[in-house]
Each structure stands twice: as structure tokens, then as C-alpha cells.
Amino acid sequence: MTRRTRTRPTPRTRPRTLTPRRRAAALAAVALGALVPALASCGIRGTSVPVDAGGAPSRVSCKVPAGSVAPALPDGSRVTVYLECSSALAPVERTATYPKQQPAGRLQTARALLDQLQQQPGPVEEQAGFSTAVPEDLELSGPRAGDPAGTLRLSARPEDLPSFALAQIVCTFGESTALDRTHAAVLGGPGDSRPQRYPCSAEVRAHPDSVLSTGSDVP
């Protein structure tokens, strides 16, 4: 009589259920595994540490093409103003119109320059990356009794202006040949505030926000 051998059934393995946390970790691992080869194919070495590469490089020229400035009218002349471009100041040539009073006095010249700073850049200037921070309602007046020579008073205190606006005014006035090109501007505000001398230095042109700390008393 042949003895029959009973075979035990193989136990079935239950499928493993992933928790939401484990499922998210698995999906992240799959995504990372797909990303690393793609980066490597582009010549970028993969890294597990986040890297701050900074802002995208600027593509603006900060330079207006030659010949794009309108010709000077009989009652105007070419002037140079400083506008903002790529977080710095750069000179731009424009045509300013002076009052019919000839020759234009210091205050009239400064007002014409301020008016140019308050105008928004034209299409060519805007394409080159220029902008202005000078408020449109800012006004300019002459010195008061006892003010140092060359003082110009603004309708707002210089220290209350945006730093870029103040730097634009300082460098435009300070580098103007019509204002004797003193490489600085003596500015005061309304009231009896003491005027301060602000230099248009290479540091101010490169970092306009530093102008607020450069003001000094005028002897």
C-alpha cells in the first residue's frame, strides 16, 4: 500500500500597504532618481544640498544707442542726467528746455535738470534698462538767508527721499557743467533744516543706497 504524502499549501503573502508618509518618500525618491541623470546630461553635477545661485544675470545694456537723443531746440541744450539701471546709476544724455530768460540762472538750470529726472524713461531708455525713482511732485527752490553757497532746497527733506532718488539728484546736479560740476550737491529741505553736502562718488554711483550716509555739514 502506497503512502500518500500530504503537501502543505504555501502561505500567501499579503500585499504591504504603504502609509501616506512612506508613499510620499517613495515618490520623492523616484523623482530625484529621474532628475539626477537629466542634470548630469546637461553638465550639472547633482547635489543633495540646496544651492542659492543668486539672481539671473542682467541682460540690459545701461547705455542709450548713439543718435537716439533728440536734437536740441533753440531754447534748450543737451544735458546729462543720472538714472537707475541694474541697481546702479548711469549717465543718460537728454535735451532740456530752459525758460526764455537767457542766460538761465543756477536755479532755473537745476529745475530743468530735476524736471528731466522726474520724466519716465522713453522707449529706447526703457529698453536699455533705465528707470527713475525721483518723485514727480518734488519741487526745488533757491537758498535761504544764511545758507552755504550753492545750496538748493527741496520740498522734502533729502533724508526722507528714496535713496536712489537722492543719489540721482546728487549726481545729476554735482556732475552738471552748467552747475560748475562740483562733484557734489548741497541740498536742504523745507523749514530751517541745515543743508548737507552729498558727494557724487564712485561708491554712490555703484551703490546709490549708500548716499544717505554720505551727507556732511558745510562749513
N, C-alpha and C. Protein backbone atom coordinates (compact mmCIF):
# COMPACT_ATOMS: atom_id res chain seq x y z
N MET A 1 0.85 -1.20 0.00
CA MET A 1 0.00 0.00 0.00
C MET A 1 0.87 1.23 0.00
N THR A 2 0.60 2.09 -1.02
CA THR A 2 1.45 3.29 -1.14
C THR A 2 0.95 4.37 -0.21
N ARG A 3 1.92 4.98 0.53
CA ARG A 3 1.57 6.03 1.49
C ARG A 3 1.57 7.39 0.80
N ARG A 4 0.44 8.03 0.87
CA ARG A 4 0.31 9.34 0.21
C ARG A 4 0.85 10.44 1.13
N THR A 5 1.69 11.26 0.52
CA THR A 5 2.29 12.37 1.30
C THR A 5 1.48 13.64 1.10
N ARG A 6 1.07 14.23 2.19
CA ARG A 6 0.25 15.47 2.12
C ARG A 6 1.18 16.69 2.01
N THR A 7 0.91 17.48 1.02
CA THR A 7 1.73 18.70 0.82
C THR A 7 1.01 19.91 1.43
N ARG A 8 1.76 20.62 2.27
CA ARG A 8 1.17 21.79 2.92
C ARG A 8 1.05 22.96 1.92
N PRO A 9 -0.05 23.61 1.92
CA PRO A 9 -0.21 24.76 0.98
C PRO A 9 0.74 25.91 1.37
N THR A 10 1.28 26.50 0.33
CA THR A 10 2.20 27.63 0.57
C THR A 10 1.42 28.84 1.05
N PRO A 11 1.83 29.42 2.17
CA PRO A 11 1.07 30.58 2.69
C PRO A 11 1.18 31.76 1.76
N ARG A 12 0.08 32.43 1.55
CA ARG A 12 0.08 33.62 0.70
C ARG A 12 0.61 34.86 1.45
N THR A 13 1.38 35.64 0.68
CA THR A 13 1.94 36.87 1.28
C THR A 13 1.00 38.03 1.04
N ARG A 14 0.60 38.66 2.11
CA ARG A 14 -0.31 39.79 1.97
C ARG A 14 0.44 41.01 1.40
N PRO A 15 -0.20 41.73 0.47
CA PRO A 15 0.47 42.94 -0.07
C PRO A 15 0.67 43.97 1.04
N ARG A 16 1.85 44.62 0.98
CA ARG A 16 2.22 45.59 2.02
C ARG A 16 1.61 46.96 1.70
N THR A 17 0.87 47.45 2.64
CA THR A 17 0.22 48.74 2.44
C THR A 17 1.14 49.87 2.90
N LEU A 18 1.37 50.86 1.98
CA LEU A 18 2.23 51.99 2.34
C LEU A 18 1.42 53.05 3.05
N THR A 19 2.01 53.57 4.11
CA THR A 19 1.39 54.70 4.79
C THR A 19 1.57 55.94 3.94
N PRO A 20 0.77 57.00 4.15
CA PRO A 20 0.94 58.22 3.36
C PRO A 20 2.36 58.78 3.42
N ARG A 21 3.02 58.67 4.60
CA ARG A 21 4.38 59.20 4.73
C ARG A 21 5.34 58.40 3.88
N ARG A 22 5.22 57.03 3.93
CA ARG A 22 6.13 56.20 3.13
C ARG A 22 5.86 56.37 1.64
N ARG A 23 4.58 56.58 1.25
CA ARG A 23 4.27 56.78 -0.15
C ARG A 23 4.90 58.07 -0.67
N ALA A 24 4.84 59.14 0.13
CA ALA A 24 5.44 60.42 -0.28
C ALA A 24 6.95 60.29 -0.42
N ALA A 25 7.58 59.55 0.52
CA ALA A 25 9.03 59.36 0.45
C ALA A 25 9.42 58.57 -0.78
N ALA A 26 8.62 57.58 -1.13
CA ALA A 26 8.93 56.77 -2.31
C ALA A 26 8.80 57.60 -3.57
N LEU A 27 7.75 58.41 -3.67
CA LEU A 27 7.58 59.26 -4.85
C LEU A 27 8.72 60.26 -4.98
N ALA A 28 9.17 60.81 -3.85
CA ALA A 28 10.28 61.77 -3.88
C ALA A 28 11.55 61.09 -4.36
N ALA A 29 11.78 59.85 -3.92
CA ALA A 29 12.98 59.13 -4.34
C ALA A 29 12.96 58.86 -5.83
N VAL A 30 11.79 58.49 -6.35
CA VAL A 30 11.67 58.24 -7.79
C VAL A 30 11.93 59.52 -8.59
N ALA A 31 11.35 60.63 -8.13
CA ALA A 31 11.54 61.90 -8.84
C ALA A 31 12.99 62.33 -8.82
N LEU A 32 13.66 62.17 -7.68
CA LEU A 32 15.07 62.53 -7.58
C LEU A 32 15.93 61.65 -8.48
N GLY A 33 15.58 60.37 -8.53
CA GLY A 33 16.35 59.47 -9.38
C GLY A 33 16.23 59.83 -10.84
N ALA A 34 15.08 60.36 -11.24
CA ALA A 34 14.90 60.77 -12.64
C ALA A 34 15.56 62.10 -12.93
N LEU A 35 15.67 62.95 -11.90
CA LEU A 35 16.23 64.28 -12.10
C LEU A 35 17.74 64.27 -12.21
N VAL A 36 18.40 63.44 -11.41
CA VAL A 36 19.86 63.44 -11.39
C VAL A 36 20.46 63.12 -12.75
N PRO A 37 20.00 62.06 -13.46
CA PRO A 37 20.57 61.81 -14.79
C PRO A 37 20.33 62.96 -15.75
N ALA A 38 19.17 63.63 -15.62
CA ALA A 38 18.90 64.75 -16.52
C ALA A 38 19.88 65.88 -16.29
N LEU A 39 20.17 66.16 -15.02
CA LEU A 39 21.14 67.20 -14.71
C LEU A 39 22.52 66.81 -15.18
N ALA A 40 22.86 65.55 -15.01
CA ALA A 40 24.19 65.10 -15.42
C ALA A 40 24.37 65.22 -16.92
N SER A 41 23.29 64.97 -17.68
CA SER A 41 23.40 65.08 -19.12
C SER A 41 23.59 66.51 -19.57
N CYS A 42 23.21 67.48 -18.72
CA CYS A 42 23.40 68.89 -19.04
C CYS A 42 24.72 69.41 -18.52
N GLY A 43 25.52 68.57 -17.95
CA GLY A 43 26.81 69.02 -17.42
C GLY A 43 26.74 69.60 -16.04
N ILE A 44 25.61 69.41 -15.35
CA ILE A 44 25.44 69.94 -13.99
C ILE A 44 25.57 68.79 -13.01
N ARG A 45 26.46 68.94 -12.06
CA ARG A 45 26.66 67.89 -11.07
C ARG A 45 25.55 67.93 -10.05
N GLY A 46 24.92 66.77 -9.83
CA GLY A 46 23.83 66.71 -8.87
C GLY A 46 24.33 66.91 -7.45
N THR A 47 23.46 67.46 -6.62
CA THR A 47 23.81 67.68 -5.22
C THR A 47 22.56 67.55 -4.39
N SER A 48 22.74 67.07 -3.17
CA SER A 48 21.61 66.94 -2.26
C SER A 48 21.41 68.18 -1.42
N VAL A 49 22.32 69.16 -1.56
CA VAL A 49 22.25 70.38 -0.78
C VAL A 49 21.68 71.49 -1.64
N PRO A 50 20.63 72.22 -1.18
CA PRO A 50 20.09 73.33 -1.98
C PRO A 50 21.17 74.39 -2.22
N VAL A 51 21.24 74.89 -3.43
CA VAL A 51 22.26 75.87 -3.80
C VAL A 51 21.56 77.16 -4.22
N ASP A 52 21.96 78.29 -3.62
CA ASP A 52 21.44 79.59 -3.99
C ASP A 52 22.39 80.21 -5.00
N ALA A 53 22.00 80.21 -6.26
CA ALA A 53 22.87 80.74 -7.31
C ALA A 53 22.68 82.23 -7.52
N GLY A 54 21.82 82.87 -6.72
CA GLY A 54 21.60 84.30 -6.88
C GLY A 54 20.62 84.59 -8.00
N GLY A 55 20.45 85.89 -8.28
CA GLY A 55 19.52 86.29 -9.31
C GLY A 55 20.07 86.03 -10.70
N ALA A 56 19.16 86.05 -11.65
CA ALA A 56 19.58 85.83 -13.03
C ALA A 56 20.43 87.00 -13.50
N PRO A 57 21.43 86.76 -14.33
CA PRO A 57 22.28 87.84 -14.79
C PRO A 57 21.50 88.85 -15.61
N SER A 58 21.84 90.13 -15.44
CA SER A 58 21.14 91.19 -16.15
C SER A 58 21.55 91.19 -17.62
N ARG A 59 20.56 91.43 -18.50
CA ARG A 59 20.84 91.45 -19.92
C ARG A 59 20.68 92.86 -20.50
N VAL A 60 20.42 93.85 -19.64
CA VAL A 60 20.26 95.21 -20.13
C VAL A 60 21.62 95.83 -20.37
N SER A 61 21.66 96.79 -21.29
CA SER A 61 22.94 97.40 -21.67
C SER A 61 23.32 98.60 -20.82
N CYS A 62 22.32 99.28 -20.22
CA CYS A 62 22.55 100.51 -19.45
C CYS A 62 23.27 101.55 -20.30
N LYS A 63 22.97 101.56 -21.58
CA LYS A 63 23.59 102.52 -22.48
C LYS A 63 22.63 102.82 -23.62
N VAL A 64 22.33 104.11 -23.81
CA VAL A 64 21.43 104.52 -24.88
C VAL A 64 22.21 104.58 -26.19
N PRO A 65 21.72 103.97 -27.26
CA PRO A 65 22.45 103.99 -28.53
C PRO A 65 22.71 105.41 -29.01
N ALA A 66 23.86 105.61 -29.62
CA ALA A 66 24.21 106.93 -30.14
C ALA A 66 23.23 107.32 -31.25
N GLY A 67 22.90 108.60 -31.27
CA GLY A 67 21.99 109.11 -32.29
C GLY A 67 20.54 109.04 -31.93
N SER A 68 20.21 108.49 -30.75
CA SER A 68 18.81 108.38 -30.35
C SER A 68 18.33 109.58 -29.55
N VAL A 69 19.24 110.51 -29.20
CA VAL A 69 18.85 111.70 -28.45
C VAL A 69 18.34 112.75 -29.42
N ALA A 70 17.21 113.35 -29.08
CA ALA A 70 16.60 114.36 -29.93
C ALA A 70 17.51 115.59 -30.02
N PRO A 71 17.57 116.23 -31.17
CA PRO A 71 18.41 117.43 -31.31
C PRO A 71 17.91 118.55 -30.41
N ALA A 72 18.83 119.38 -29.96
CA ALA A 72 18.48 120.48 -29.06
C ALA A 72 17.71 121.55 -29.80
N LEU A 73 16.67 122.06 -29.15
CA LEU A 73 15.87 123.14 -29.71
C LEU A 73 16.56 124.48 -29.43
N PRO A 74 16.11 125.56 -30.08
CA PRO A 74 16.76 126.87 -29.86
C PRO A 74 16.76 127.30 -28.39
N ASP A 75 15.72 126.94 -27.64
CA ASP A 75 15.65 127.35 -26.22
C ASP A 75 16.06 126.22 -25.28
N GLY A 76 16.79 125.25 -25.78
CA GLY A 76 17.23 124.13 -24.94
C GLY A 76 18.66 123.75 -25.24
N SER A 77 19.14 122.74 -24.54
CA SER A 77 20.51 122.27 -24.74
C SER A 77 20.62 120.83 -24.26
N ARG A 78 21.71 120.19 -24.63
CA ARG A 78 21.97 118.82 -24.18
C ARG A 78 22.40 118.83 -22.72
N VAL A 79 21.84 117.91 -21.96
CA VAL A 79 22.20 117.77 -20.54
C VAL A 79 22.41 116.30 -20.24
N THR A 80 23.12 116.05 -19.16
CA THR A 80 23.34 114.68 -18.70
C THR A 80 22.66 114.49 -17.36
N VAL A 81 21.82 113.48 -17.29
CA VAL A 81 21.15 113.14 -16.04
C VAL A 81 21.52 111.71 -15.67
N TYR A 82 21.41 111.41 -14.39
CA TYR A 82 21.74 110.07 -13.90
C TYR A 82 20.46 109.32 -13.56
N LEU A 83 20.29 108.17 -14.22
CA LEU A 83 19.14 107.32 -13.99
C LEU A 83 19.58 106.00 -13.39
N GLU A 84 18.61 105.27 -12.86
CA GLU A 84 18.89 103.97 -12.26
C GLU A 84 18.92 102.89 -13.33
N CYS A 85 19.90 102.01 -13.24
CA CYS A 85 19.99 100.87 -14.15
C CYS A 85 20.79 99.76 -13.49
N SER A 86 20.19 98.59 -13.37
CA SER A 86 20.85 97.43 -12.77
C SER A 86 21.38 97.75 -11.37
N SER A 87 20.53 98.41 -10.56
CA SER A 87 20.86 98.74 -9.15
C SER A 87 22.04 99.68 -9.02
N ALA A 88 22.34 100.45 -10.07
CA ALA A 88 23.42 101.44 -10.03
C ALA A 88 22.93 102.68 -10.77
N LEU A 89 23.79 103.70 -10.84
CA LEU A 89 23.47 104.91 -11.59
C LEU A 89 24.31 104.96 -12.86
N ALA A 90 23.70 105.42 -13.93
CA ALA A 90 24.40 105.55 -15.20
C ALA A 90 23.95 106.85 -15.87
N PRO A 91 24.86 107.53 -16.57
CA PRO A 91 24.50 108.80 -17.21
C PRO A 91 23.71 108.59 -18.49
N VAL A 92 22.77 109.49 -18.72
CA VAL A 92 21.95 109.47 -19.93
C VAL A 92 21.91 110.90 -20.47
N GLU A 93 22.10 111.05 -21.75
CA GLU A 93 22.05 112.37 -22.38
C GLU A 93 20.64 112.66 -22.85
N ARG A 94 20.16 113.84 -22.51
CA ARG A 94 18.83 114.28 -22.92
C ARG A 94 18.88 115.72 -23.40
N THR A 95 17.75 116.18 -23.89
CA THR A 95 17.60 117.57 -24.30
C THR A 95 16.67 118.27 -23.34
N ALA A 96 17.16 119.28 -22.64
CA ALA A 96 16.37 120.02 -21.66
C ALA A 96 16.01 121.38 -22.22
N THR A 97 14.81 121.82 -21.92
CA THR A 97 14.33 123.13 -22.36
C THR A 97 14.33 124.07 -21.18
N TYR A 98 14.99 125.22 -21.36
CA TYR A 98 15.07 126.22 -20.30
C TYR A 98 14.04 127.32 -20.54
N PRO A 99 13.70 128.06 -19.49
CA PRO A 99 12.80 129.21 -19.67
C PRO A 99 13.41 130.22 -20.65
N LYS A 100 12.57 131.11 -21.16
CA LYS A 100 13.04 132.06 -22.16
C LYS A 100 14.06 133.03 -21.59
N GLN A 101 14.11 133.13 -20.27
CA GLN A 101 15.10 134.01 -19.65
C GLN A 101 16.50 133.52 -20.00
N GLN A 102 17.29 134.35 -20.60
CA GLN A 102 18.64 133.97 -21.00
C GLN A 102 19.65 134.97 -20.42
N PRO A 103 20.79 134.51 -19.91
CA PRO A 103 21.07 133.08 -19.74
C PRO A 103 20.34 132.52 -18.53
N ALA A 104 20.12 131.22 -18.54
CA ALA A 104 19.41 130.60 -17.43
C ALA A 104 20.25 130.67 -16.17
N GLY A 105 19.61 131.05 -15.06
CA GLY A 105 20.32 131.11 -13.80
C GLY A 105 20.52 129.73 -13.20
N ARG A 106 21.21 129.68 -12.07
CA ARG A 106 21.51 128.40 -11.43
C ARG A 106 20.22 127.66 -11.03
N LEU A 107 19.26 128.38 -10.46
CA LEU A 107 18.03 127.74 -10.02
C LEU A 107 17.23 127.23 -11.22
N GLN A 108 17.15 128.02 -12.30
CA GLN A 108 16.42 127.58 -13.48
C GLN A 108 17.07 126.34 -14.10
N THR A 109 18.40 126.33 -14.10
CA THR A 109 19.10 125.16 -14.64
C THR A 109 18.82 123.93 -13.79
N ALA A 110 18.89 124.08 -12.47
CA ALA A 110 18.64 122.94 -11.58
C ALA A 110 17.21 122.44 -11.72
N ARG A 111 16.27 123.35 -11.89
CA ARG A 111 14.87 122.94 -12.06
C ARG A 111 14.68 122.18 -13.37
N ALA A 112 15.37 122.61 -14.42
CA ALA A 112 15.27 121.91 -15.70
C ALA A 112 15.84 120.49 -15.57
N LEU A 113 16.92 120.34 -14.81
CA LEU A 113 17.50 119.02 -14.59
C LEU A 113 16.57 118.14 -13.75
N LEU A 114 15.98 118.74 -12.72
CA LEU A 114 15.04 117.99 -11.89
C LEU A 114 13.84 117.53 -12.72
N ASP A 115 13.38 118.39 -13.62
CA ASP A 115 12.26 118.02 -14.47
C ASP A 115 12.61 116.81 -15.34
N GLN A 116 13.85 116.76 -15.82
CA GLN A 116 14.28 115.61 -16.62
C GLN A 116 14.33 114.34 -15.77
N LEU A 117 14.76 114.47 -14.52
CA LEU A 117 14.81 113.30 -13.64
C LEU A 117 13.42 112.78 -13.31
N GLN A 118 12.43 113.65 -13.31
CA GLN A 118 11.07 113.24 -12.98
C GLN A 118 10.35 112.60 -14.16
N GLN A 119 10.88 112.77 -15.35
CA GLN A 119 10.24 112.17 -16.52
C GLN A 119 10.58 110.69 -16.61
N GLN A 120 9.57 109.89 -16.91
CA GLN A 120 9.80 108.46 -17.08
C GLN A 120 10.63 108.21 -18.33
N PRO A 121 11.49 107.20 -18.30
CA PRO A 121 12.33 106.91 -19.47
C PRO A 121 11.49 106.64 -20.72
N GLY A 122 12.01 107.09 -21.86
CA GLY A 122 11.36 106.80 -23.12
C GLY A 122 11.58 105.36 -23.53
N PRO A 123 10.99 104.94 -24.67
CA PRO A 123 11.10 103.55 -25.09
C PRO A 123 12.54 103.07 -25.26
N VAL A 124 13.41 103.90 -25.82
CA VAL A 124 14.79 103.49 -26.03
C VAL A 124 15.51 103.35 -24.69
N GLU A 125 15.30 104.31 -23.79
CA GLU A 125 15.92 104.24 -22.47
C GLU A 125 15.39 103.05 -21.67
N GLU A 126 14.09 102.83 -21.76
CA GLU A 126 13.49 101.71 -21.03
C GLU A 126 14.03 100.37 -21.54
N GLN A 127 14.21 100.27 -22.83
CA GLN A 127 14.76 99.03 -23.39
C GLN A 127 16.19 98.81 -22.93
N ALA A 128 16.92 99.91 -22.70
CA ALA A 128 18.29 99.80 -22.22
C ALA A 128 18.36 99.50 -20.73
N GLY A 129 17.20 99.52 -20.03
CA GLY A 129 17.17 99.14 -18.62
C GLY A 129 17.07 100.29 -17.65
N PHE A 130 16.79 101.51 -18.12
CA PHE A 130 16.79 102.67 -17.24
C PHE A 130 15.43 102.87 -16.57
N SER A 131 15.48 103.47 -15.38
CA SER A 131 14.28 103.87 -14.65
C SER A 131 14.65 105.04 -13.75
N THR A 132 13.64 105.69 -13.19
CA THR A 132 13.90 106.80 -12.28
C THR A 132 13.08 106.63 -11.02
N ALA A 133 13.65 107.09 -9.89
CA ALA A 133 12.96 106.98 -8.59
C ALA A 133 12.58 108.35 -8.05
N VAL A 134 12.84 109.43 -8.81
CA VAL A 134 12.58 110.78 -8.33
C VAL A 134 11.08 111.06 -8.36
N PRO A 135 10.48 111.46 -7.24
CA PRO A 135 9.04 111.72 -7.20
C PRO A 135 8.64 112.85 -8.15
N GLU A 136 7.48 112.70 -8.78
CA GLU A 136 7.03 113.70 -9.74
C GLU A 136 6.59 114.99 -9.07
N ASP A 137 6.23 114.95 -7.79
CA ASP A 137 5.74 116.14 -7.11
C ASP A 137 6.85 116.88 -6.35
N LEU A 138 8.09 116.45 -6.50
CA LEU A 138 9.19 117.10 -5.80
C LEU A 138 9.47 118.46 -6.44
N GLU A 139 9.65 119.49 -5.60
CA GLU A 139 9.92 120.83 -6.10
C GLU A 139 11.25 121.33 -5.58
N LEU A 140 11.75 122.38 -6.22
CA LEU A 140 13.08 122.90 -5.91
C LEU A 140 13.02 124.41 -5.76
N SER A 141 13.72 124.92 -4.75
CA SER A 141 13.80 126.37 -4.54
C SER A 141 15.25 126.74 -4.25
N GLY A 142 15.50 128.04 -4.24
CA GLY A 142 16.86 128.52 -4.02
C GLY A 142 17.23 128.58 -2.55
N PRO A 143 18.44 129.06 -2.27
CA PRO A 143 18.91 129.12 -0.88
C PRO A 143 18.19 130.18 -0.06
N ARG A 144 18.21 129.97 1.24
CA ARG A 144 17.66 130.95 2.16
C ARG A 144 18.81 131.77 2.76
N ALA A 145 18.44 132.81 3.45
CA ALA A 145 19.45 133.65 4.09
C ALA A 145 20.25 132.81 5.07
N GLY A 146 21.57 132.87 4.96
CA GLY A 146 22.45 132.12 5.85
C GLY A 146 22.82 130.75 5.32
N ASP A 147 22.23 130.31 4.20
CA ASP A 147 22.60 129.02 3.64
C ASP A 147 23.98 129.08 3.00
N PRO A 148 24.72 127.98 3.00
CA PRO A 148 26.01 127.94 2.31
C PRO A 148 25.85 128.21 0.82
N ALA A 149 26.91 128.66 0.20
CA ALA A 149 26.88 128.96 -1.23
C ALA A 149 26.53 127.70 -2.02
N GLY A 150 25.71 127.88 -3.04
CA GLY A 150 25.34 126.76 -3.90
C GLY A 150 24.22 125.89 -3.37
N THR A 151 23.59 126.30 -2.27
CA THR A 151 22.53 125.48 -1.68
C THR A 151 21.29 125.48 -2.56
N LEU A 152 20.69 124.32 -2.70
CA LEU A 152 19.39 124.17 -3.34
C LEU A 152 18.48 123.44 -2.37
N ARG A 153 17.28 123.96 -2.19
CA ARG A 153 16.36 123.38 -1.22
C ARG A 153 15.24 122.62 -1.92
N LEU A 154 15.00 121.41 -1.44
CA LEU A 154 13.94 120.55 -1.96
C LEU A 154 12.68 120.69 -1.12
N SER A 155 11.54 120.35 -1.69
CA SER A 155 10.28 120.42 -0.96
C SER A 155 10.13 119.26 0.02
N ALA A 156 11.05 118.34 0.04
CA ALA A 156 11.10 117.24 1.01
C ALA A 156 12.51 117.16 1.57
N ARG A 157 12.64 116.72 2.78
CA ARG A 157 13.97 116.59 3.36
C ARG A 157 14.75 115.53 2.58
N PRO A 158 16.01 115.80 2.25
CA PRO A 158 16.79 114.82 1.48
C PRO A 158 16.80 113.44 2.10
N GLU A 159 16.88 113.38 3.43
CA GLU A 159 16.95 112.07 4.09
C GLU A 159 15.62 111.32 4.05
N ASP A 160 14.53 112.02 3.68
CA ASP A 160 13.23 111.37 3.58
C ASP A 160 12.96 110.83 2.17
N LEU A 161 13.80 111.17 1.22
CA LEU A 161 13.62 110.69 -0.14
C LEU A 161 14.12 109.25 -0.27
N PRO A 162 13.61 108.51 -1.24
CA PRO A 162 14.21 107.21 -1.53
C PRO A 162 15.69 107.38 -1.84
N SER A 163 16.52 106.47 -1.37
CA SER A 163 17.96 106.63 -1.54
C SER A 163 18.35 106.76 -3.01
N PHE A 164 17.70 106.00 -3.89
CA PHE A 164 18.04 106.09 -5.31
C PHE A 164 17.67 107.45 -5.87
N ALA A 165 16.55 108.02 -5.43
CA ALA A 165 16.14 109.34 -5.89
C ALA A 165 17.15 110.40 -5.47
N LEU A 166 17.57 110.35 -4.21
CA LEU A 166 18.55 111.31 -3.73
C LEU A 166 19.87 111.16 -4.48
N ALA A 167 20.30 109.95 -4.72
CA ALA A 167 21.55 109.73 -5.46
C ALA A 167 21.45 110.26 -6.88
N GLN A 168 20.31 110.09 -7.53
CA GLN A 168 20.12 110.63 -8.88
C GLN A 168 20.26 112.15 -8.88
N ILE A 169 19.62 112.81 -7.91
CA ILE A 169 19.67 114.27 -7.82
C ILE A 169 21.09 114.73 -7.54
N VAL A 170 21.74 114.09 -6.59
CA VAL A 170 23.10 114.48 -6.21
C VAL A 170 24.05 114.39 -7.39
N CYS A 171 24.02 113.29 -8.11
CA CYS A 171 24.97 113.11 -9.22
C CYS A 171 24.60 113.96 -10.43
N THR A 172 23.31 114.14 -10.68
CA THR A 172 22.91 114.99 -11.80
C THR A 172 23.31 116.43 -11.55
N PHE A 173 23.08 116.94 -10.35
CA PHE A 173 23.49 118.31 -10.02
C PHE A 173 25.01 118.42 -9.92
N GLY A 174 25.62 117.45 -9.25
CA GLY A 174 27.06 117.54 -9.00
C GLY A 174 27.91 117.39 -10.24
N GLU A 175 27.41 116.67 -11.26
CA GLU A 175 28.19 116.46 -12.48
C GLU A 175 27.76 117.37 -13.62
N SER A 176 26.87 118.30 -13.36
CA SER A 176 26.40 119.22 -14.39
C SER A 176 27.42 120.35 -14.61
N THR A 177 27.85 120.50 -15.85
CA THR A 177 28.79 121.59 -16.15
C THR A 177 28.11 122.95 -15.99
N ALA A 178 26.79 123.00 -16.21
CA ALA A 178 26.06 124.26 -16.04
C ALA A 178 25.97 124.67 -14.57
N LEU A 179 26.17 123.71 -13.67
CA LEU A 179 26.19 124.00 -12.23
C LEU A 179 27.60 123.90 -11.67
N ASP A 180 28.58 124.14 -12.52
CA ASP A 180 30.01 124.22 -12.16
C ASP A 180 30.65 122.87 -11.86
N ARG A 181 29.92 121.78 -12.03
CA ARG A 181 30.45 120.43 -11.84
C ARG A 181 31.33 120.32 -10.59
N THR A 182 30.70 120.44 -9.46
CA THR A 182 31.41 120.38 -8.18
C THR A 182 31.56 118.95 -7.66
N HIS A 183 31.02 117.95 -8.38
CA HIS A 183 31.05 116.53 -7.97
C HIS A 183 30.32 116.31 -6.65
N ALA A 184 29.45 117.24 -6.30
CA ALA A 184 28.66 117.13 -5.07
C ALA A 184 27.49 118.09 -5.18
N ALA A 185 26.51 117.92 -4.30
CA ALA A 185 25.37 118.82 -4.27
C ALA A 185 25.09 119.20 -2.82
N VAL A 186 24.84 120.49 -2.61
CA VAL A 186 24.48 120.98 -1.29
C VAL A 186 22.96 121.13 -1.27
N LEU A 187 22.32 120.26 -0.51
CA LEU A 187 20.86 120.19 -0.53
C LEU A 187 20.28 120.39 0.86
N GLY A 188 19.17 121.07 0.90
CA GLY A 188 18.42 121.24 2.13
C GLY A 188 16.97 120.90 1.88
N GLY A 189 16.20 120.87 2.93
CA GLY A 189 14.78 120.60 2.81
C GLY A 189 13.96 121.80 3.23
N PRO A 190 12.66 121.61 3.41
CA PRO A 190 11.83 122.72 3.87
C PRO A 190 12.12 123.05 5.33
N GLY A 191 11.69 124.21 5.75
CA GLY A 191 11.92 124.57 7.15
C GLY A 191 13.34 125.09 7.36
N ASP A 192 13.78 124.97 8.59
CA ASP A 192 15.09 125.50 8.97
C ASP A 192 16.17 124.42 9.06
N SER A 193 15.96 123.30 8.39
CA SER A 193 16.96 122.23 8.45
C SER A 193 18.27 122.69 7.83
N ARG A 194 19.36 122.23 8.41
CA ARG A 194 20.69 122.62 7.94
C ARG A 194 21.02 121.87 6.66
N PRO A 195 21.41 122.59 5.58
CA PRO A 195 21.78 121.90 4.34
C PRO A 195 22.98 120.99 4.54
N GLN A 196 23.02 119.93 3.77
CA GLN A 196 24.12 118.97 3.83
C GLN A 196 24.77 118.85 2.45
N ARG A 197 26.04 118.51 2.48
CA ARG A 197 26.78 118.29 1.24
C ARG A 197 26.84 116.80 0.95
N TYR A 198 26.35 116.40 -0.22
CA TYR A 198 26.32 115.00 -0.63
C TYR A 198 27.24 114.82 -1.84
N PRO A 199 28.29 114.01 -1.74
CA PRO A 199 29.20 113.83 -2.88
C PRO A 199 28.66 112.81 -3.88
N CYS A 200 29.00 113.04 -5.13
CA CYS A 200 28.69 112.04 -6.17
C CYS A 200 29.97 111.25 -6.41
N SER A 201 30.22 110.27 -5.56
CA SER A 201 31.44 109.47 -5.63
C SER A 201 31.20 108.20 -6.43
N ALA A 202 32.29 107.51 -6.73
CA ALA A 202 32.17 106.22 -7.43
C ALA A 202 31.35 105.24 -6.60
N GLU A 203 31.46 105.31 -5.28
CA GLU A 203 30.70 104.43 -4.40
C GLU A 203 29.20 104.72 -4.51
N VAL A 204 28.85 106.00 -4.55
CA VAL A 204 27.43 106.37 -4.66
C VAL A 204 26.87 105.95 -6.01
N ARG A 205 27.65 106.10 -7.07
CA ARG A 205 27.16 105.70 -8.40
C ARG A 205 26.99 104.18 -8.48
N ALA A 206 27.87 103.44 -7.83
CA ALA A 206 27.77 101.97 -7.87
C ALA A 206 26.75 101.44 -6.88
N HIS A 207 26.61 102.12 -5.74
CA HIS A 207 25.68 101.68 -4.69
C HIS A 207 24.87 102.90 -4.23
N PRO A 208 23.85 103.30 -4.98
CA PRO A 208 23.10 104.52 -4.66
C PRO A 208 22.50 104.55 -3.27
N ASP A 209 22.22 103.37 -2.68
CA ASP A 209 21.63 103.37 -1.34
C ASP A 209 22.60 103.85 -0.28
N SER A 210 23.87 104.02 -0.62
CA SER A 210 24.86 104.49 0.36
C SER A 210 24.86 106.00 0.49
N VAL A 211 24.11 106.71 -0.36
CA VAL A 211 24.17 108.17 -0.36
C VAL A 211 23.66 108.77 0.94
N LEU A 212 22.73 108.10 1.61
CA LEU A 212 22.16 108.65 2.84
C LEU A 212 23.18 108.79 3.95
N SER A 213 24.23 108.00 3.90
CA SER A 213 25.26 108.06 4.95
C SER A 213 26.41 108.97 4.58
N THR A 214 26.34 109.66 3.43
CA THR A 214 27.48 110.47 2.99
C THR A 214 27.28 111.96 3.26
N GLY A 215 26.09 112.36 3.72
CA GLY A 215 25.84 113.77 3.95
C GLY A 215 26.71 114.33 5.07
N SER A 216 27.21 115.54 4.86
CA SER A 216 28.07 116.18 5.86
C SER A 216 27.75 117.66 5.92
N ASP A 217 28.01 118.27 7.08
CA ASP A 217 27.76 119.69 7.24
C ASP A 217 28.70 120.51 6.38
N VAL A 218 28.19 121.63 5.93
CA VAL A 218 29.00 122.54 5.10
C VAL A 218 29.52 123.66 5.99
N PRO A 219 30.82 123.91 6.03
CA PRO A 219 31.37 124.96 6.90
C PRO A 219 30.81 126.33 6.53
